[in-house]
Amino acid sequence: MLRRDVLGAVAALATSTPTPGLRAQASAWPQRPVRWILSQAAGAGPDILARYVGEQLARVWGRPVVVDNRPGGQNVIGAQAAARSAPDGYTFYYATTAAMVTNPLTFRSLPYDPAKDFVPVRLIGRSPFVLAAGTALPGKGLAEVLADARAQPGVLTIATEGGRTFSGMLADAVAHLAGVKFNHIPYTKSSDAMQDVLAGRVQLVCLPDAALSSYVKAGQVRPLAVSTPRRLPDLPQVPALAESFPGFEYTGWNGLFAPTGTPPELVARVNRDLETVLRAPEVAQRMQALGSIVEPGMSVPEAESFMRSERERWSTLVKNLGILPE
């Protein structure tokens, strides 16, 4: 009996305390290219961000970061592939809010479990969304647009990525707070949405800042509001939705996750290296230009806490919008 107790204590200690061998493994890592699975297509906003951050880390590691695009199924294909990957520290999932938080709330069943299949490494950046008007609504601000929508329920059209996607739920959240109803026109590609908005076939658009910034700079669409709690540095003249609806915050984010079972020392190593890279002023500036606001100072435990709070917050929002899983 005593022998079994001693062996049990030794086993518990081994699982709770990093061993010298594990620390050595983390210090020697990586010895080959590191793969980042991505749920979006090449050229999409998250893909551009992932490749840029990966390039910065590759300089630190002396090994390339290979972005593996697995688009489709509203992030399901990429997330499932990442969840089934070997937890050896050479495969990570570069994920967005949709894959890790909102999908479990809007899908009746998923072939992966974000809370059980992944370990948060670190939040990389927040992605603000912009509500904008096209050429079909010249000269009107947010208050006027909402007044028009209130007077003509369901008449004003808005281009989003779909009613159950991040942009679609943002549009519905604004409509819910304002007591209006928009007519959703879903698009699988932001470029297709913008063609119809620029042609005047759709009146409003709700997309990430990164997807709209070039059109805003060219004067082709007029930004009405941003989804962050405060105005954006690159759009100081555009009000935040929180100015009309106090407490409103609706930003997407992108972050790095490891398959569950990845050695904790390797997860901590990647977190530290990401912190070093993201604290560089030139990196933060470039990220902002790409539509992502760098999140400073986040440890692995803080990333875990952030994910718990995000799941609670989005669960409440989805319930308030009356969205049921399908």
Protein backbone atom coordinates (compact mmCIF):
# COMPACT_ATOMS: atom_id res chain seq x y z
CA MET A 1 0.00 0.00 0.00
CA LEU A 2 2.82 2.39 0.94
CA ARG A 3 4.61 1.68 -2.32
CA ARG A 4 1.48 2.48 -4.34
CA ASP A 5 1.03 5.75 -2.42
CA VAL A 6 4.61 6.79 -3.13
CA LEU A 7 4.28 5.93 -6.83
CA GLY A 8 1.02 7.87 -7.02
CA ALA A 9 2.64 10.91 -5.45
CA VAL A 10 5.53 10.74 -7.89
CA ALA A 11 3.13 10.50 -10.85
CA ALA A 12 1.14 13.51 -9.63
CA LEU A 13 4.33 15.52 -9.21
CA ALA A 14 5.43 14.61 -12.72
CA THR A 15 2.22 15.92 -14.26
CA SER A 16 2.07 19.12 -12.22
CA THR A 17 5.73 20.22 -12.44
CA PRO A 18 7.61 20.72 -15.73
CA THR A 19 10.47 18.23 -15.97
CA PRO A 20 14.00 19.23 -16.97
CA GLY A 21 13.49 17.19 -20.14
CA LEU A 22 10.40 19.21 -21.03
CA ARG A 23 12.20 22.48 -20.37
CA ALA A 24 15.05 21.31 -22.59
CA GLN A 25 12.55 20.39 -25.29
CA ALA A 26 11.06 23.89 -25.17
CA SER A 27 14.46 25.57 -25.34
CA ALA A 28 15.53 23.46 -28.33
CA TRP A 29 12.22 23.94 -30.14
CA PRO A 30 11.57 24.45 -33.02
CA GLN A 31 13.74 22.10 -35.01
CA ARG A 32 11.58 22.18 -38.14
CA PRO A 33 8.92 24.45 -39.71
CA VAL A 34 5.89 25.31 -37.58
CA ARG A 35 2.46 25.00 -39.18
CA TRP A 36 -0.42 27.39 -38.54
CA ILE A 37 -3.81 26.11 -39.72
CA LEU A 38 -6.16 28.86 -40.83
CA SER A 39 -9.90 28.61 -41.55
CA GLN A 40 -9.88 31.38 -44.16
CA ALA A 41 -8.76 31.47 -47.77
CA ALA A 42 -5.46 32.91 -48.89
CA GLY A 43 -5.70 36.68 -49.21
CA ALA A 44 -8.46 37.10 -46.62
CA GLY A 45 -7.90 39.49 -43.71
CA PRO A 46 -6.95 36.80 -41.14
CA ASP A 47 -4.64 35.17 -43.69
CA ILE A 48 -2.76 38.44 -44.27
CA LEU A 49 -2.41 38.99 -40.51
CA ALA A 50 -1.32 35.41 -39.85
CA ARG A 51 1.35 35.54 -42.53
CA TYR A 52 2.69 38.85 -41.24
CA VAL A 53 2.89 37.71 -37.61
CA GLY A 54 4.30 34.37 -38.72
CA GLU A 55 7.08 36.12 -40.62
CA GLN A 56 8.06 38.04 -37.48
CA LEU A 57 8.15 34.87 -35.39
CA ALA A 58 10.14 33.02 -38.04
CA ARG A 59 12.91 35.57 -37.55
CA VAL A 60 12.93 34.82 -33.83
CA TRP A 61 12.78 31.05 -34.22
CA GLY A 62 15.05 30.65 -37.21
CA ARG A 63 12.44 28.35 -38.71
CA PRO A 64 9.61 29.19 -41.12
CA VAL A 65 5.99 29.47 -40.10
CA VAL A 66 3.87 27.78 -42.77
CA VAL A 67 0.27 28.96 -43.08
CA ASP A 68 -2.01 26.08 -44.04
CA ASN A 69 -5.31 27.46 -45.42
CA ARG A 70 -8.34 25.24 -44.78
CA PRO A 71 -11.35 27.44 -45.66
CA GLY A 72 -14.98 26.37 -45.74
CA GLY A 73 -17.89 25.40 -43.56
CA GLN A 74 -17.84 28.65 -41.57
CA ASN A 75 -14.47 27.75 -40.03
CA VAL A 76 -15.46 24.15 -39.29
CA ILE A 77 -13.05 22.51 -41.76
CA GLY A 78 -9.98 24.32 -40.46
CA ALA A 79 -10.91 24.02 -36.80
CA GLN A 80 -11.54 20.29 -37.11
CA ALA A 81 -8.20 19.75 -38.85
CA ALA A 82 -6.38 21.70 -36.15
CA ALA A 83 -8.18 19.87 -33.33
CA ARG A 84 -7.11 16.51 -34.78
CA SER A 85 -3.48 17.53 -35.24
CA ALA A 86 -0.68 16.02 -33.20
CA PRO A 87 -0.10 18.06 -30.01
CA ASP A 88 3.65 18.15 -30.55
CA GLY A 89 4.17 21.92 -30.71
CA TYR A 90 4.50 21.99 -34.49
CA THR A 91 0.86 22.66 -35.36
CA PHE A 92 -1.22 25.58 -34.07
CA TYR A 93 -4.59 27.04 -34.98
CA TYR A 94 -4.73 30.71 -35.95
CA ALA A 95 -8.37 31.28 -35.05
CA THR A 96 -11.02 33.98 -35.06
CA THR A 97 -13.93 34.69 -32.74
CA ALA A 98 -16.34 32.79 -34.97
CA ALA A 99 -14.49 29.49 -34.79
CA MET A 100 -13.81 29.57 -31.05
CA VAL A 101 -16.85 31.34 -29.58
CA THR A 102 -19.84 31.96 -31.82
CA ASN A 103 -19.92 28.68 -33.79
CA PRO A 104 -20.81 26.59 -30.71
CA LEU A 105 -23.70 28.99 -30.08
CA THR A 106 -25.12 28.91 -33.61
CA PHE A 107 -24.45 25.30 -34.70
CA ARG A 108 -26.52 22.47 -33.26
CA SER A 109 -23.47 20.21 -33.39
CA LEU A 110 -19.81 20.61 -34.30
CA PRO A 111 -17.07 18.06 -35.02
CA TYR A 112 -14.80 19.93 -32.60
CA ASP A 113 -15.12 21.47 -29.13
CA PRO A 114 -13.26 24.79 -28.78
CA ALA A 115 -13.13 24.53 -24.98
CA LYS A 116 -11.89 20.93 -24.85
CA ASP A 117 -9.86 20.51 -28.03
CA PHE A 118 -7.69 23.62 -27.76
CA VAL A 119 -5.48 25.47 -25.32
CA PRO A 120 -5.28 29.27 -25.72
CA VAL A 121 -1.77 30.50 -26.44
CA ARG A 122 -2.45 34.21 -26.75
CA LEU A 123 -4.80 36.79 -28.17
CA ILE A 124 -2.99 38.51 -31.05
CA GLY A 125 -5.25 41.39 -32.01
CA ARG A 126 -8.77 42.78 -31.99
CA SER A 127 -10.53 43.40 -35.27
CA PRO A 128 -12.95 46.33 -35.30
CA PHE A 129 -15.98 46.27 -37.56
CA VAL A 130 -17.42 49.21 -39.45
CA LEU A 131 -21.03 49.98 -40.36
CA ALA A 132 -20.97 51.98 -43.58
CA ALA A 133 -23.35 53.43 -46.15
CA GLY A 134 -22.98 53.03 -49.88
CA THR A 135 -23.78 55.42 -52.70
CA ALA A 136 -27.50 54.63 -52.39
CA LEU A 137 -27.62 56.57 -49.10
CA PRO A 138 -25.75 59.83 -49.78
CA GLY A 139 -25.09 62.30 -46.97
CA LYS A 140 -26.82 60.50 -44.12
CA GLY A 141 -25.35 59.85 -40.69
CA LEU A 142 -26.07 56.97 -38.32
CA ALA A 143 -29.05 58.64 -36.62
CA GLU A 144 -30.70 59.41 -39.97
CA VAL A 145 -30.11 55.91 -41.29
CA LEU A 146 -31.63 54.36 -38.17
CA ALA A 147 -34.60 56.75 -38.43
CA ASP A 148 -35.16 55.62 -42.03
CA ALA A 149 -34.94 51.97 -40.97
CA ARG A 150 -37.41 52.60 -38.18
CA ALA A 151 -39.86 54.23 -40.58
CA GLN A 152 -39.50 51.42 -43.15
CA PRO A 153 -38.94 48.13 -41.30
CA GLY A 154 -37.03 45.58 -43.40
CA VAL A 155 -36.60 47.89 -46.37
CA LEU A 156 -32.99 49.03 -45.90
CA THR A 157 -30.63 46.36 -47.22
CA ILE A 158 -27.35 45.54 -45.54
CA ALA A 159 -24.49 43.42 -46.88
CA THR A 160 -23.01 41.03 -44.32
CA GLU A 161 -21.36 37.62 -44.29
CA GLY A 162 -24.69 36.09 -43.23
CA GLY A 163 -27.16 36.38 -40.38
CA ARG A 164 -25.30 33.87 -38.19
CA THR A 165 -21.84 35.21 -38.89
CA PHE A 166 -19.96 37.81 -36.89
CA SER A 167 -20.91 40.72 -39.15
CA GLY A 168 -24.50 39.54 -39.41
CA MET A 169 -24.91 39.32 -35.65
CA LEU A 170 -23.34 42.76 -35.28
CA ALA A 171 -25.91 44.23 -37.65
CA ASP A 172 -28.67 42.45 -35.71
CA ALA A 173 -27.30 43.69 -32.39
CA VAL A 174 -27.43 47.29 -33.63
CA ALA A 175 -30.94 46.74 -35.01
CA HIS A 176 -32.06 45.21 -31.71
CA LEU A 177 -30.78 48.15 -29.68
CA ALA A 178 -32.19 50.72 -32.12
CA GLY A 179 -35.54 49.01 -32.49
CA VAL A 180 -35.20 48.62 -36.27
CA LYS A 181 -35.06 45.80 -38.79
CA PHE A 182 -32.57 45.47 -41.64
CA ASN A 183 -32.93 43.30 -44.72
CA HIS A 184 -29.85 41.02 -44.68
CA ILE A 185 -28.12 40.28 -47.97
CA PRO A 186 -25.53 37.56 -47.19
CA TYR A 187 -22.27 37.19 -49.12
CA THR A 188 -19.54 34.57 -48.90
CA LYS A 189 -16.91 37.02 -50.19
CA SER A 190 -16.49 40.61 -49.07
CA SER A 191 -15.42 41.58 -52.60
CA ASP A 192 -18.80 40.43 -53.96
CA ALA A 193 -20.59 42.39 -51.26
CA MET A 194 -18.67 45.54 -52.10
CA GLN A 195 -19.51 45.25 -55.81
CA ASP A 196 -23.22 45.43 -54.99
CA VAL A 197 -22.74 48.20 -52.43
CA LEU A 198 -20.71 50.33 -54.86
CA ALA A 199 -23.28 49.73 -57.59
CA GLY A 200 -26.06 50.94 -55.30
CA ARG A 201 -27.88 47.60 -55.27
CA VAL A 202 -27.33 47.32 -51.49
CA GLN A 203 -27.53 50.35 -49.22
CA LEU A 204 -25.50 49.42 -46.14
CA VAL A 205 -22.55 47.20 -45.37
CA CYS A 206 -21.12 45.77 -42.16
CA LEU A 207 -17.63 44.27 -42.47
CA PRO A 208 -14.26 44.33 -40.69
CA ASP A 209 -12.32 47.58 -40.86
CA ALA A 210 -9.61 45.76 -42.81
CA ALA A 211 -12.09 44.81 -45.55
CA LEU A 212 -13.53 48.34 -45.83
CA SER A 213 -10.52 50.60 -45.26
CA SER A 214 -9.50 50.93 -48.92
CA TYR A 215 -13.07 51.80 -49.95
CA VAL A 216 -13.35 54.34 -47.13
CA LYS A 217 -10.05 55.98 -48.10
CA ALA A 218 -11.20 56.17 -51.73
CA GLY A 219 -14.47 57.81 -50.67
CA GLN A 220 -16.52 54.98 -52.17
CA VAL A 221 -18.38 54.22 -48.94
CA ARG A 222 -19.18 56.45 -45.97
CA PRO A 223 -18.43 55.01 -42.52
CA LEU A 224 -21.30 55.54 -40.08
CA ALA A 225 -19.92 53.96 -36.91
CA VAL A 226 -17.25 51.62 -35.56
CA SER A 227 -17.89 48.69 -33.23
CA THR A 228 -15.15 49.45 -30.71
CA PRO A 229 -15.88 51.19 -27.37
CA ARG A 230 -13.91 54.23 -28.56
CA ARG A 231 -13.18 55.82 -31.92
CA LEU A 232 -10.41 54.31 -34.00
CA PRO A 233 -7.13 56.24 -34.46
CA ASP A 234 -7.38 55.87 -38.25
CA LEU A 235 -11.05 56.96 -38.28
CA PRO A 236 -11.19 59.71 -35.62
CA GLN A 237 -14.18 61.42 -37.27
CA VAL A 238 -16.33 58.27 -37.17
CA PRO A 239 -18.33 57.78 -33.96
CA ALA A 240 -18.22 54.56 -31.97
CA LEU A 241 -21.52 52.73 -31.63
CA ALA A 242 -21.03 53.08 -27.87
CA GLU A 243 -21.68 56.81 -28.27
CA SER A 244 -25.24 55.98 -29.32
CA PHE A 245 -25.58 52.80 -27.27
CA PRO A 246 -23.58 53.09 -24.02
CA GLY A 247 -21.58 50.00 -23.16
CA PHE A 248 -21.72 48.61 -26.69
CA GLU A 249 -18.62 46.66 -27.68
CA TYR A 250 -18.50 44.26 -30.56
CA THR A 251 -15.03 43.51 -31.83
CA GLY A 252 -13.74 40.39 -33.40
CA TRP A 253 -10.32 39.06 -32.56
CA ASN A 254 -7.71 36.65 -33.79
CA GLY A 255 -5.51 34.49 -31.63
CA LEU A 256 -3.28 31.46 -31.56
CA PHE A 257 -4.39 28.14 -30.07
CA ALA A 258 -2.66 24.80 -29.58
CA PRO A 259 -4.25 21.35 -29.77
CA THR A 260 -4.98 20.06 -26.27
CA GLY A 261 -2.09 17.98 -25.03
CA THR A 262 0.60 20.29 -26.41
CA PRO A 263 3.36 20.49 -23.75
CA PRO A 264 2.68 23.50 -21.47
CA GLU A 265 6.30 24.62 -21.71
CA LEU A 266 5.97 24.93 -25.50
CA VAL A 267 2.71 26.84 -25.16
CA ALA A 268 4.41 29.21 -22.70
CA ARG A 269 7.39 29.59 -25.03
CA VAL A 270 5.19 30.60 -27.98
CA ASN A 271 3.28 33.02 -25.74
CA ARG A 272 6.52 34.71 -24.67
CA ASP A 273 7.85 34.93 -28.21
CA LEU A 274 4.57 36.39 -29.45
CA GLU A 275 4.73 38.96 -26.66
CA THR A 276 8.21 40.01 -27.79
CA VAL A 277 7.13 40.33 -31.41
CA LEU A 278 3.86 42.20 -30.75
CA ARG A 279 5.51 44.73 -28.44
CA ALA A 280 7.69 46.03 -31.28
CA PRO A 281 6.27 49.46 -32.29
CA GLU A 282 6.67 48.79 -36.01
CA VAL A 283 4.73 45.53 -35.68
CA ALA A 284 1.87 47.22 -33.82
CA GLN A 285 1.73 49.95 -36.46
CA ARG A 286 1.66 47.46 -39.31
CA MET A 287 -1.01 45.37 -37.58
CA GLN A 288 -3.18 48.44 -37.16
CA ALA A 289 -2.75 49.26 -40.85
CA LEU A 290 -3.96 45.71 -41.59
CA GLY A 291 -7.06 46.26 -39.46
CA SER A 292 -6.04 44.59 -36.20
CA ILE A 293 -5.33 46.35 -32.91
CA VAL A 294 -2.54 44.60 -31.00
CA GLU A 295 -3.48 43.29 -27.57
CA PRO A 296 -0.55 44.04 -25.24
CA GLY A 297 0.57 41.88 -22.34
CA MET A 298 -1.39 38.61 -22.19
CA SER A 299 -0.06 35.52 -20.42
CA VAL A 300 -1.40 32.01 -21.00
CA PRO A 301 -3.59 32.12 -17.83
CA GLU A 302 -4.90 35.53 -18.93
CA ALA A 303 -5.71 34.10 -22.36
CA GLU A 304 -7.65 31.29 -20.70
CA SER A 305 -9.57 33.81 -18.57
CA PHE A 306 -10.31 35.91 -21.64
CA MET A 307 -11.79 32.92 -23.45
CA ARG A 308 -14.07 32.10 -20.52
CA SER A 309 -15.36 35.67 -20.39
CA GLU A 310 -15.87 35.78 -24.17
CA ARG A 311 -17.99 32.61 -24.11
CA GLU A 312 -20.16 34.05 -21.35
CA ARG A 313 -20.52 37.42 -23.08
CA TRP A 314 -21.44 35.96 -26.46
CA SER A 315 -23.84 33.46 -24.94
CA THR A 316 -25.79 36.36 -23.46
CA LEU A 317 -25.72 38.32 -26.72
CA VAL A 318 -26.92 35.39 -28.84
CA LYS A 319 -29.71 34.71 -26.34
CA ASN A 320 -30.80 38.37 -26.46
CA LEU A 321 -30.92 38.24 -30.26
CA GLY A 322 -33.06 35.12 -30.17
CA ILE A 323 -30.64 33.09 -32.29
CA LEU A 324 -31.14 29.34 -31.96
CA PRO A 325 -28.60 26.70 -33.04
CA GLU A 326 -29.21 25.06 -36.41
